[in-house]
């Protein structure tokens, strides 16, 4: 029942959000592009991903404050662009590329 309610509300499943972070952690642009394409193909709203990624980034204890600030600044930029009518695919790729850069820079 909970799955149905969250699905109707447009909430992206936690496993999908985790998959985005996994793709970003991989450092593979091809994997990142596939995850973003799947998100859009599944009908998830880009703005919903922005909102949920914000929560995930803020709660992530493995990220440094500097990494969090860079990612949240990009989240704000993407949010503004989406509100202005920018292409969802390009904005999500831009956002996820920044997340990937921050997650892989310590490797």
C-alpha atoms as a PDB file:
ATOM      1  CA  UNK A   1       0.000   0.000   0.000  1.00  0.00           C
ATOM      2  CA  UNK A   2       2.829   2.403   0.865  1.00  0.00           C
ATOM      3  CA  UNK A   3       4.418   1.803  -2.557  1.00  0.00           C
ATOM      4  CA  UNK A   4       1.192   2.754  -4.287  1.00  0.00           C
ATOM      5  CA  UNK A   5       0.837   5.977  -2.303  1.00  0.00           C
ATOM      6  CA  UNK A   6       4.437   7.073  -2.906  1.00  0.00           C
ATOM      7  CA  UNK A   7       4.100   6.170  -6.587  1.00  0.00           C
ATOM      8  CA  UNK A   8       0.956   8.284  -6.929  1.00  0.00           C
ATOM      9  CA  UNK A   9       2.650  11.147  -5.053  1.00  0.00           C
ATOM     10  CA  UNK A  10       5.511  11.074  -7.553  1.00  0.00           C
ATOM     11  CA  UNK A  11       8.168  10.173  -4.997  1.00  0.00           C
ATOM     12  CA  UNK A  12      11.178   8.505  -6.561  1.00  0.00           C
ATOM     13  CA  UNK A  13      11.987   5.182  -4.819  1.00  0.00           C
ATOM     14  CA  UNK A  14      14.997   5.201  -2.483  1.00  0.00           C
ATOM     15  CA  UNK A  15      16.583   2.416  -4.542  1.00  0.00           C
ATOM     16  CA  UNK A  16      16.481   4.654  -7.609  1.00  0.00           C
ATOM     17  CA  UNK A  17      18.118   7.535  -5.708  1.00  0.00           C
ATOM     18  CA  UNK A  18      20.730   5.075  -4.456  1.00  0.00           C
ATOM     19  CA  UNK A  19      21.273   3.973  -8.063  1.00  0.00           C
ATOM     20  CA  UNK A  20      21.985   7.565  -9.063  1.00  0.00           C
ATOM     21  CA  UNK A  21      24.636   7.827  -6.331  1.00  0.00           C
ATOM     22  CA  UNK A  22      26.097   4.457  -7.359  1.00  0.00           C
ATOM     23  CA  UNK A  23      26.387   5.618 -10.971  1.00  0.00           C
ATOM     24  CA  UNK A  24      27.980   8.874  -9.818  1.00  0.00           C
ATOM     25  CA  UNK A  25      30.417   6.965  -7.609  1.00  0.00           C
ATOM     26  CA  UNK A  26      31.443   4.738 -10.530  1.00  0.00           C
ATOM     27  CA  UNK A  27      33.068   7.616 -12.381  1.00  0.00           C
ATOM     28  CA  UNK A  28      31.604   6.285 -15.637  1.00  0.00           C
ATOM     29  CA  UNK A  29      29.859   8.900 -17.739  1.00  0.00           C
ATOM     30  CA  UNK A  30      28.146   6.131 -19.742  1.00  0.00           C
ATOM     31  CA  UNK A  31      26.586   4.649 -16.578  1.00  0.00           C
ATOM     32  CA  UNK A  32      25.536   8.121 -15.491  1.00  0.00           C
ATOM     33  CA  UNK A  33      23.885   8.813 -18.831  1.00  0.00           C
ATOM     34  CA  UNK A  34      22.043   5.464 -18.700  1.00  0.00           C
ATOM     35  CA  UNK A  35      20.701   6.195 -15.196  1.00  0.00           C
ATOM     36  CA  UNK A  36      19.491   9.664 -16.210  1.00  0.00           C
ATOM     37  CA  UNK A  37      17.857   8.250 -19.351  1.00  0.00           C
ATOM     38  CA  UNK A  38      16.122   5.570 -17.267  1.00  0.00           C
ATOM     39  CA  UNK A  39      14.851   8.191 -14.795  1.00  0.00           C
ATOM     40  CA  UNK A  40      13.290  10.212 -17.584  1.00  0.00           C
ATOM     41  CA  UNK A  41      11.964   7.125 -19.405  1.00  0.00           C
ATOM     42  CA  UNK A  42      10.291   5.949 -16.171  1.00  0.00           C
ATOM     43  CA  UNK A  43       8.466   9.280 -16.002  1.00  0.00           C
ATOM     44  CA  UNK A  44      10.146  10.713 -12.922  1.00  0.00           C
ATOM     45  CA  UNK A  45      10.063  14.503 -12.726  1.00  0.00           C
ATOM     46  CA  UNK A  46      13.476  16.147 -12.729  1.00  0.00           C
ATOM     47  CA  UNK A  47      12.405  18.594 -10.036  1.00  0.00           C
ATOM     48  CA  UNK A  48      11.453  15.663  -7.786  1.00  0.00           C
ATOM     49  CA  UNK A  49      14.933  14.196  -8.249  1.00  0.00           C
ATOM     50  CA  UNK A  50      16.448  17.579  -7.377  1.00  0.00           C
ATOM     51  CA  UNK A  51      14.402  17.730  -4.168  1.00  0.00           C
ATOM     52  CA  UNK A  52      15.211  14.172  -3.120  1.00  0.00           C
ATOM     53  CA  UNK A  53      18.901  14.479  -4.008  1.00  0.00           C
ATOM     54  CA  UNK A  54      19.049  17.598  -1.859  1.00  0.00           C
ATOM     55  CA  UNK A  55      17.776  15.628   1.128  1.00  0.00           C
ATOM     56  CA  UNK A  56      20.169  12.752   0.400  1.00  0.00           C
ATOM     57  CA  UNK A  57      23.179  15.070   0.093  1.00  0.00           C
ATOM     58  CA  UNK A  58      22.381  16.954   3.303  1.00  0.00           C
ATOM     59  CA  UNK A  59      22.002  13.686   5.238  1.00  0.00           C
ATOM     60  CA  UNK A  60      25.116  12.013   3.742  1.00  0.00           C
ATOM     61  CA  UNK A  61      27.778  11.908   6.464  1.00  0.00           C
ATOM     62  CA  UNK A  62      30.493  10.720   4.060  1.00  0.00           C
ATOM     63  CA  UNK A  63      30.493  14.005   2.132  1.00  0.00           C
ATOM     64  CA  UNK A  64      32.593  16.902   3.369  1.00  0.00           C
ATOM     65  CA  UNK A  65      31.018  20.303   3.936  1.00  0.00           C
ATOM     66  CA  UNK A  66      32.810  21.618   0.840  1.00  0.00           C
ATOM     67  CA  UNK A  67      31.430  18.786  -1.315  1.00  0.00           C
ATOM     68  CA  UNK A  68      27.948  19.374   0.068  1.00  0.00           C
ATOM     69  CA  UNK A  69      28.141  23.095  -0.665  1.00  0.00           C
ATOM     70  CA  UNK A  70      29.284  22.536  -4.261  1.00  0.00           C
ATOM     71  CA  UNK A  71      26.531  19.979  -4.886  1.00  0.00           C
ATOM     72  CA  UNK A  72      23.790  22.052  -3.243  1.00  0.00           C
ATOM     73  CA  UNK A  73      24.851  25.114  -5.235  1.00  0.00           C
ATOM     74  CA  UNK A  74      24.477  23.051  -8.417  1.00  0.00           C
ATOM     75  CA  UNK A  75      21.103  21.778  -7.161  1.00  0.00           C
ATOM     76  CA  UNK A  76      19.930  25.385  -6.782  1.00  0.00           C
ATOM     77  CA  UNK A  77      21.198  26.276 -10.247  1.00  0.00           C
ATOM     78  CA  UNK A  78      19.460  23.283 -11.836  1.00  0.00           C
ATOM     79  CA  UNK A  79      16.251  24.032  -9.907  1.00  0.00           C
ATOM     80  CA  UNK A  80      16.238  27.578 -11.324  1.00  0.00           C
ATOM     81  CA  UNK A  81      16.945  26.366 -14.864  1.00  0.00           C
ATOM     82  CA  UNK A  82      14.149  23.783 -14.668  1.00  0.00           C
ATOM     83  CA  UNK A  83      11.741  26.447 -13.382  1.00  0.00           C
ATOM     84  CA  UNK A  84      12.709  28.567 -16.397  1.00  0.00           C
ATOM     85  CA  UNK A  85      11.835  25.684 -18.749  1.00  0.00           C
ATOM     86  CA  UNK A  86      15.250  24.149 -19.464  1.00  0.00           C
ATOM     87  CA  UNK A  87      15.589  20.630 -20.870  1.00  0.00           C
ATOM     88  CA  UNK A  88      15.291  18.037 -18.074  1.00  0.00           C
ATOM     89  CA  UNK A  89      17.793  15.602 -19.570  1.00  0.00           C
ATOM     90  CA  UNK A  90      20.527  18.207 -19.970  1.00  0.00           C
ATOM     91  CA  UNK A  91      19.959  19.635 -16.503  1.00  0.00           C
ATOM     92  CA  UNK A  92      20.038  16.198 -14.855  1.00  0.00           C
ATOM     93  CA  UNK A  93      23.236  15.330 -16.725  1.00  0.00           C
ATOM     94  CA  UNK A  94      24.754  18.633 -15.590  1.00  0.00           C
ATOM     95  CA  UNK A  95      23.738  17.962 -11.990  1.00  0.00           C
ATOM     96  CA  UNK A  96      24.852  14.339 -11.933  1.00  0.00           C
ATOM     97  CA  UNK A  97      28.193  15.204 -13.564  1.00  0.00           C
ATOM     98  CA  UNK A  98      28.845  17.644 -10.717  1.00  0.00           C
ATOM     99  CA  UNK A  99      27.856  15.013  -8.139  1.00  0.00           C
ATOM    100  CA  UNK A 100      30.134  12.485  -9.873  1.00  0.00           C
ATOM    101  CA  UNK A 101      33.018  14.964  -9.864  1.00  0.00           C
ATOM    102  CA  UNK A 102      32.609  15.538  -6.126  1.00  0.00           C
ATOM    103  CA  UNK A 103      32.224  11.847  -5.259  1.00  0.00           C
ATOM    104  CA  UNK A 104      35.240  10.728  -7.277  1.00  0.00           C
ATOM    105  CA  UNK A 105      37.690  13.536  -6.491  1.00  0.00           C
ATOM    106  CA  UNK A 106      38.905  11.822  -3.294  1.00  0.00           C
ATOM    107  CA  UNK A 107      39.604   8.511  -5.015  1.00  0.00           C
END
